[in-house]
C-alpha atoms as a PDB file:
ATOM      1  CA  MET A   1      21.017  14.981   4.380  1.00  0.00           C
ATOM      2  CA  PRO A   2      19.415  12.894   7.159  1.00  0.00           C
ATOM      3  CA  ASP A   3      19.887   9.139   7.302  1.00  0.00           C
ATOM      4  CA  PHE A   4      16.844   7.167   6.288  1.00  0.00           C
ATOM      5  CA  THR A   5      15.541   5.344   9.362  1.00  0.00           C
ATOM      6  CA  ASN A   6      11.793   5.215   8.824  1.00  0.00           C
ATOM      7  CA  ILE A   7      11.156   1.577   9.778  1.00  0.00           C
ATOM      8  CA  ASP A   8       7.439   1.836   8.948  1.00  0.00           C
ATOM      9  CA  ALA A   9       8.223   2.976   5.410  1.00  0.00           C
ATOM     10  CA  MET A  10      10.760   0.188   5.031  1.00  0.00           C
ATOM     11  CA  GLN A  11       8.052  -2.294   6.016  1.00  0.00           C
ATOM     12  CA  PHE A  12       5.577  -0.607   3.626  1.00  0.00           C
ATOM     13  CA  PHE A  13       7.959  -1.433   0.752  1.00  0.00           C
ATOM     14  CA  ASP A  14       8.787  -4.924   2.043  1.00  0.00           C
ATOM     15  CA  ARG A  15      10.447  -6.975  -0.725  1.00  0.00           C
ATOM     16  CA  ARG A  16      10.365  -3.997  -3.089  1.00  0.00           C
ATOM     17  CA  PRO A  17      13.865  -2.534  -2.810  1.00  0.00           C
ATOM     18  CA  ARG A  18      13.658  -0.493  -6.020  1.00  0.00           C
ATOM     19  CA  GLU A  19      10.405   1.176  -4.943  1.00  0.00           C
ATOM     20  CA  LEU A  20      11.906   1.810  -1.495  1.00  0.00           C
ATOM     21  CA  ALA A  21      14.886   3.563  -3.100  1.00  0.00           C
ATOM     22  CA  LEU A  22      12.552   5.771  -5.168  1.00  0.00           C
ATOM     23  CA  TYR A  23      10.533   6.573  -2.058  1.00  0.00           C
ATOM     24  CA  GLN A  24      13.642   7.405  -0.012  1.00  0.00           C
ATOM     25  CA  ASP A  25      14.825   9.835  -2.684  1.00  0.00           C
ATOM     26  CA  PHE A  26      11.375  11.433  -2.819  1.00  0.00           C
ATOM     27  CA  GLU A  27      11.177  11.733   0.971  1.00  0.00           C
ATOM     28  CA  ARG A  28      14.584  13.419   1.189  1.00  0.00           C
ATOM     29  CA  LYS A  29      13.694  15.909  -1.524  1.00  0.00           C
ATOM     30  CA  VAL A  30      10.352  16.761   0.084  1.00  0.00           C
ATOM     31  CA  GLN A  31      12.031  17.202   3.484  1.00  0.00           C
ATOM     32  CA  ASP A  32      14.550  19.567   1.845  1.00  0.00           C
ATOM     33  CA  ILE A  33      11.872  21.826   0.335  1.00  0.00           C
ATOM     34  CA  CYS A  34       9.294  21.409   3.134  1.00  0.00           C
ATOM     35  CA  PRO A  35      11.253  20.833   6.371  1.00  0.00           C
ATOM     36  CA  ASP A  36       8.157  21.009   8.624  1.00  0.00           C
ATOM     37  CA  THR A  37       6.648  17.929   6.998  1.00  0.00           C
ATOM     38  CA  HIS A  38       5.314  15.097   9.134  1.00  0.00           C
ATOM     39  CA  ILE A  39       5.220  11.638   7.525  1.00  0.00           C
ATOM     40  CA  ARG A  40       2.532   9.126   8.404  1.00  0.00           C
ATOM     41  CA  VAL A  41       2.756   5.564   7.104  1.00  0.00           C
ATOM     42  CA  GLN A  42      -0.596   3.855   6.647  1.00  0.00           C
ATOM     43  CA  LYS A  43      -1.594   0.504   5.217  1.00  0.00           C
ATOM     44  CA  THR A  44      -2.041   1.635   1.596  1.00  0.00           C
ATOM     45  CA  GLN A  45      -0.235   4.978   1.412  1.00  0.00           C
ATOM     46  CA  ILE A  46       2.358   7.214   3.001  1.00  0.00           C
ATOM     47  CA  THR A  47       1.070  10.696   3.780  1.00  0.00           C
ATOM     48  CA  PHE A  48       3.188  13.858   3.831  1.00  0.00           C
ATOM     49  CA  GLU A  49       1.440  16.533   5.879  1.00  0.00           C
ATOM     50  CA  ASN A  50       1.852  19.864   7.579  1.00  0.00           C
ATOM     51  CA  ARG A  51      -1.548  21.057   8.798  1.00  0.00           C
ATOM     52  CA  HIS A  52      -3.157  18.735   6.245  1.00  0.00           C
ATOM     53  CA  GLY A  53      -2.012  16.057   3.838  1.00  0.00           C
ATOM     54  CA  PHE A  54      -0.465  17.522   0.707  1.00  0.00           C
ATOM     55  CA  ALA A  55       1.407  14.617  -0.921  1.00  0.00           C
ATOM     56  CA  PHE A  56       0.954  10.876  -0.864  1.00  0.00           C
ATOM     57  CA  VAL A  57       2.984   7.881  -2.008  1.00  0.00           C
ATOM     58  CA  SER A  58       1.434   4.543  -2.835  1.00  0.00           C
ATOM     59  CA  LEU A  59       2.078   1.521  -4.984  1.00  0.00           C
ATOM     60  CA  PRO A  60       0.245   1.094  -8.293  1.00  0.00           C
ATOM     61  CA  ARG A  61      -2.790  -1.156  -7.981  1.00  0.00           C
ATOM     62  CA  ARG A  62      -2.254  -2.528 -11.461  1.00  0.00           C
ATOM     63  CA  LYS A  63       0.806  -4.508 -12.445  1.00  0.00           C
ATOM     64  CA  ILE A  64       3.390  -2.255 -14.080  1.00  0.00           C
ATOM     65  CA  LYS A  65       6.466  -3.791 -15.717  1.00  0.00           C
ATOM     66  CA  GLU A  66       9.089  -1.653 -14.019  1.00  0.00           C
ATOM     67  CA  PRO A  67       9.317  -0.786 -10.311  1.00  0.00           C
ATOM     68  CA  THR A  68       7.106   2.263  -9.818  1.00  0.00           C
ATOM     69  CA  ILE A  69       5.620   4.413  -7.079  1.00  0.00           C
ATOM     70  CA  VAL A  70       2.604   6.674  -7.390  1.00  0.00           C
ATOM     71  CA  VAL A  71       3.124  10.223  -6.141  1.00  0.00           C
ATOM     72  CA  SER A  72      -0.141  12.077  -5.553  1.00  0.00           C
ATOM     73  CA  PHE A  73      -0.732  15.697  -4.607  1.00  0.00           C
ATOM     74  CA  GLY A  74      -3.634  18.098  -4.339  1.00  0.00           C
ATOM     75  CA  LEU A  75      -4.042  21.554  -5.859  1.00  0.00           C
ATOM     76  CA  SER A  76      -6.943  23.936  -6.411  1.00  0.00           C
ATOM     77  CA  TYR A  77      -6.660  23.583 -10.192  1.00  0.00           C
ATOM     78  CA  ARG A  78      -5.993  20.854 -12.723  1.00  0.00           C
ATOM     79  CA  VAL A  79      -2.368  20.611 -13.825  1.00  0.00           C
ATOM     80  CA  ASP A  80      -2.086  20.306 -17.598  1.00  0.00           C
ATOM     81  CA  SER A  81       0.896  18.017 -18.144  1.00  0.00           C
ATOM     82  CA  GLN A  82       1.569  14.739 -19.910  1.00  0.00           C
ATOM     83  CA  ARG A  83       3.250  13.584 -16.701  1.00  0.00           C
ATOM     84  CA  ILE A  84      -0.078  13.441 -14.885  1.00  0.00           C
ATOM     85  CA  TRP A  85      -1.270   9.844 -15.016  1.00  0.00           C
ATOM     86  CA  VAL A  86      -4.728  10.568 -13.556  1.00  0.00           C
ATOM     87  CA  ALA A  87      -6.366  13.775 -12.299  1.00  0.00           C
ATOM     88  CA  THR A  88      -9.682  13.841 -10.465  1.00  0.00           C
ATOM     89  CA  GLU A  89     -11.790  16.592  -8.927  1.00  0.00           C
ATOM     90  CA  PRO A  90     -13.443  14.986  -5.871  1.00  0.00           C
ATOM     91  CA  TYR A  91     -14.738  18.397  -4.741  1.00  0.00           C
ATOM     92  CA  PRO A  92     -15.096  21.664  -6.634  1.00  0.00           C
ATOM     93  CA  ASN A  93     -11.665  23.279  -7.058  1.00  0.00           C
ATOM     94  CA  ARG A  94      -9.885  20.373  -5.292  1.00  0.00           C
ATOM     95  CA  TRP A  95      -7.879  18.426  -7.821  1.00  0.00           C
ATOM     96  CA  THR A  96      -5.936  15.292  -6.942  1.00  0.00           C
ATOM     97  CA  HIS A  97      -3.131  14.453  -9.355  1.00  0.00           C
ATOM     98  CA  HIS A  98      -1.305  11.134  -9.638  1.00  0.00           C
ATOM     99  CA  VAL A  99       2.146  10.799 -11.211  1.00  0.00           C
ATOM    100  CA  LEU A 100       3.901   7.499 -11.908  1.00  0.00           C
ATOM    101  CA  VAL A 101       7.567   7.582 -10.875  1.00  0.00           C
ATOM    102  CA  SER A 102       9.865   4.792 -12.013  1.00  0.00           C
ATOM    103  CA  ASP A 103      13.193   6.638 -12.111  1.00  0.00           C
ATOM    104  CA  GLU A 104      14.925   9.136  -9.815  1.00  0.00           C
ATOM    105  CA  THR A 105      15.234  11.623 -12.693  1.00  0.00           C
ATOM    106  CA  GLN A 106      11.434  11.987 -12.595  1.00  0.00           C
ATOM    107  CA  LEU A 107      11.750  13.502  -9.100  1.00  0.00           C
ATOM    108  CA  ASP A 108      12.672  16.781 -10.739  1.00  0.00           C
ATOM    109  CA  ASP A 109      11.998  20.490 -10.219  1.00  0.00           C
ATOM    110  CA  GLU A 110       8.634  20.323 -11.998  1.00  0.00           C
ATOM    111  CA  LEU A 111       7.235  17.587  -9.737  1.00  0.00           C
ATOM    112  CA  LEU A 112       8.789  19.104  -6.610  1.00  0.00           C
ATOM    113  CA  GLY A 113       7.334  22.489  -7.581  1.00  0.00           C
ATOM    114  CA  TRP A 114       3.850  20.963  -7.590  1.00  0.00           C
ATOM    115  CA  ILE A 115       4.579  19.314  -4.217  1.00  0.00           C
ATOM    116  CA  LYS A 116       5.818  22.603  -2.738  1.00  0.00           C
ATOM    117  CA  GLU A 117       2.700  24.399  -3.995  1.00  0.00           C
ATOM    118  CA  ALA A 118       0.485  21.651  -2.563  1.00  0.00           C
ATOM    119  CA  ALA A 119       2.282  21.993   0.803  1.00  0.00           C
ATOM    120  CA  ALA A 120       1.741  25.755   0.831  1.00  0.00           C
ATOM    121  CA  ASN A 121      -1.953  25.290   0.021  1.00  0.00           C
ATOM    122  CA  ALA A 122      -2.359  22.688   2.787  1.00  0.00           C
ATOM    123  CA  ALA A 123      -0.616  24.908   5.331  1.00  0.00           C
ATOM    124  CA  ALA A 124      -2.917  27.829   4.455  1.00  0.00           C
ATOM    125  CA  LYS A 125      -6.175  25.889   4.988  1.00  0.00           C
END
């Protein structure tokens, strides 16, 4: 497992050590299942991309009691799961799903399966 040295991501989560730890765990797991992933840290989100962006991490805009990150991913269909916080269809057959993650156990096979599928879809575009 690679050491976490992404200074930009550390600055993104400045003064939010719990959210940084969640992000680091997510990044490692995505890198394990999608080793050709490039990570781009922007002002409001961190983008995971191959040919195109397929997963995104941001902070909730609304105050949430416990430390939480938002993991977003795109698929060609709407995922029917209680874990999906918000799902939108900005374009026909392009669904963006947002999942709230406040515990490492939520970075499980189900979520990573959606991420892996989103990565495959992005690579095929």
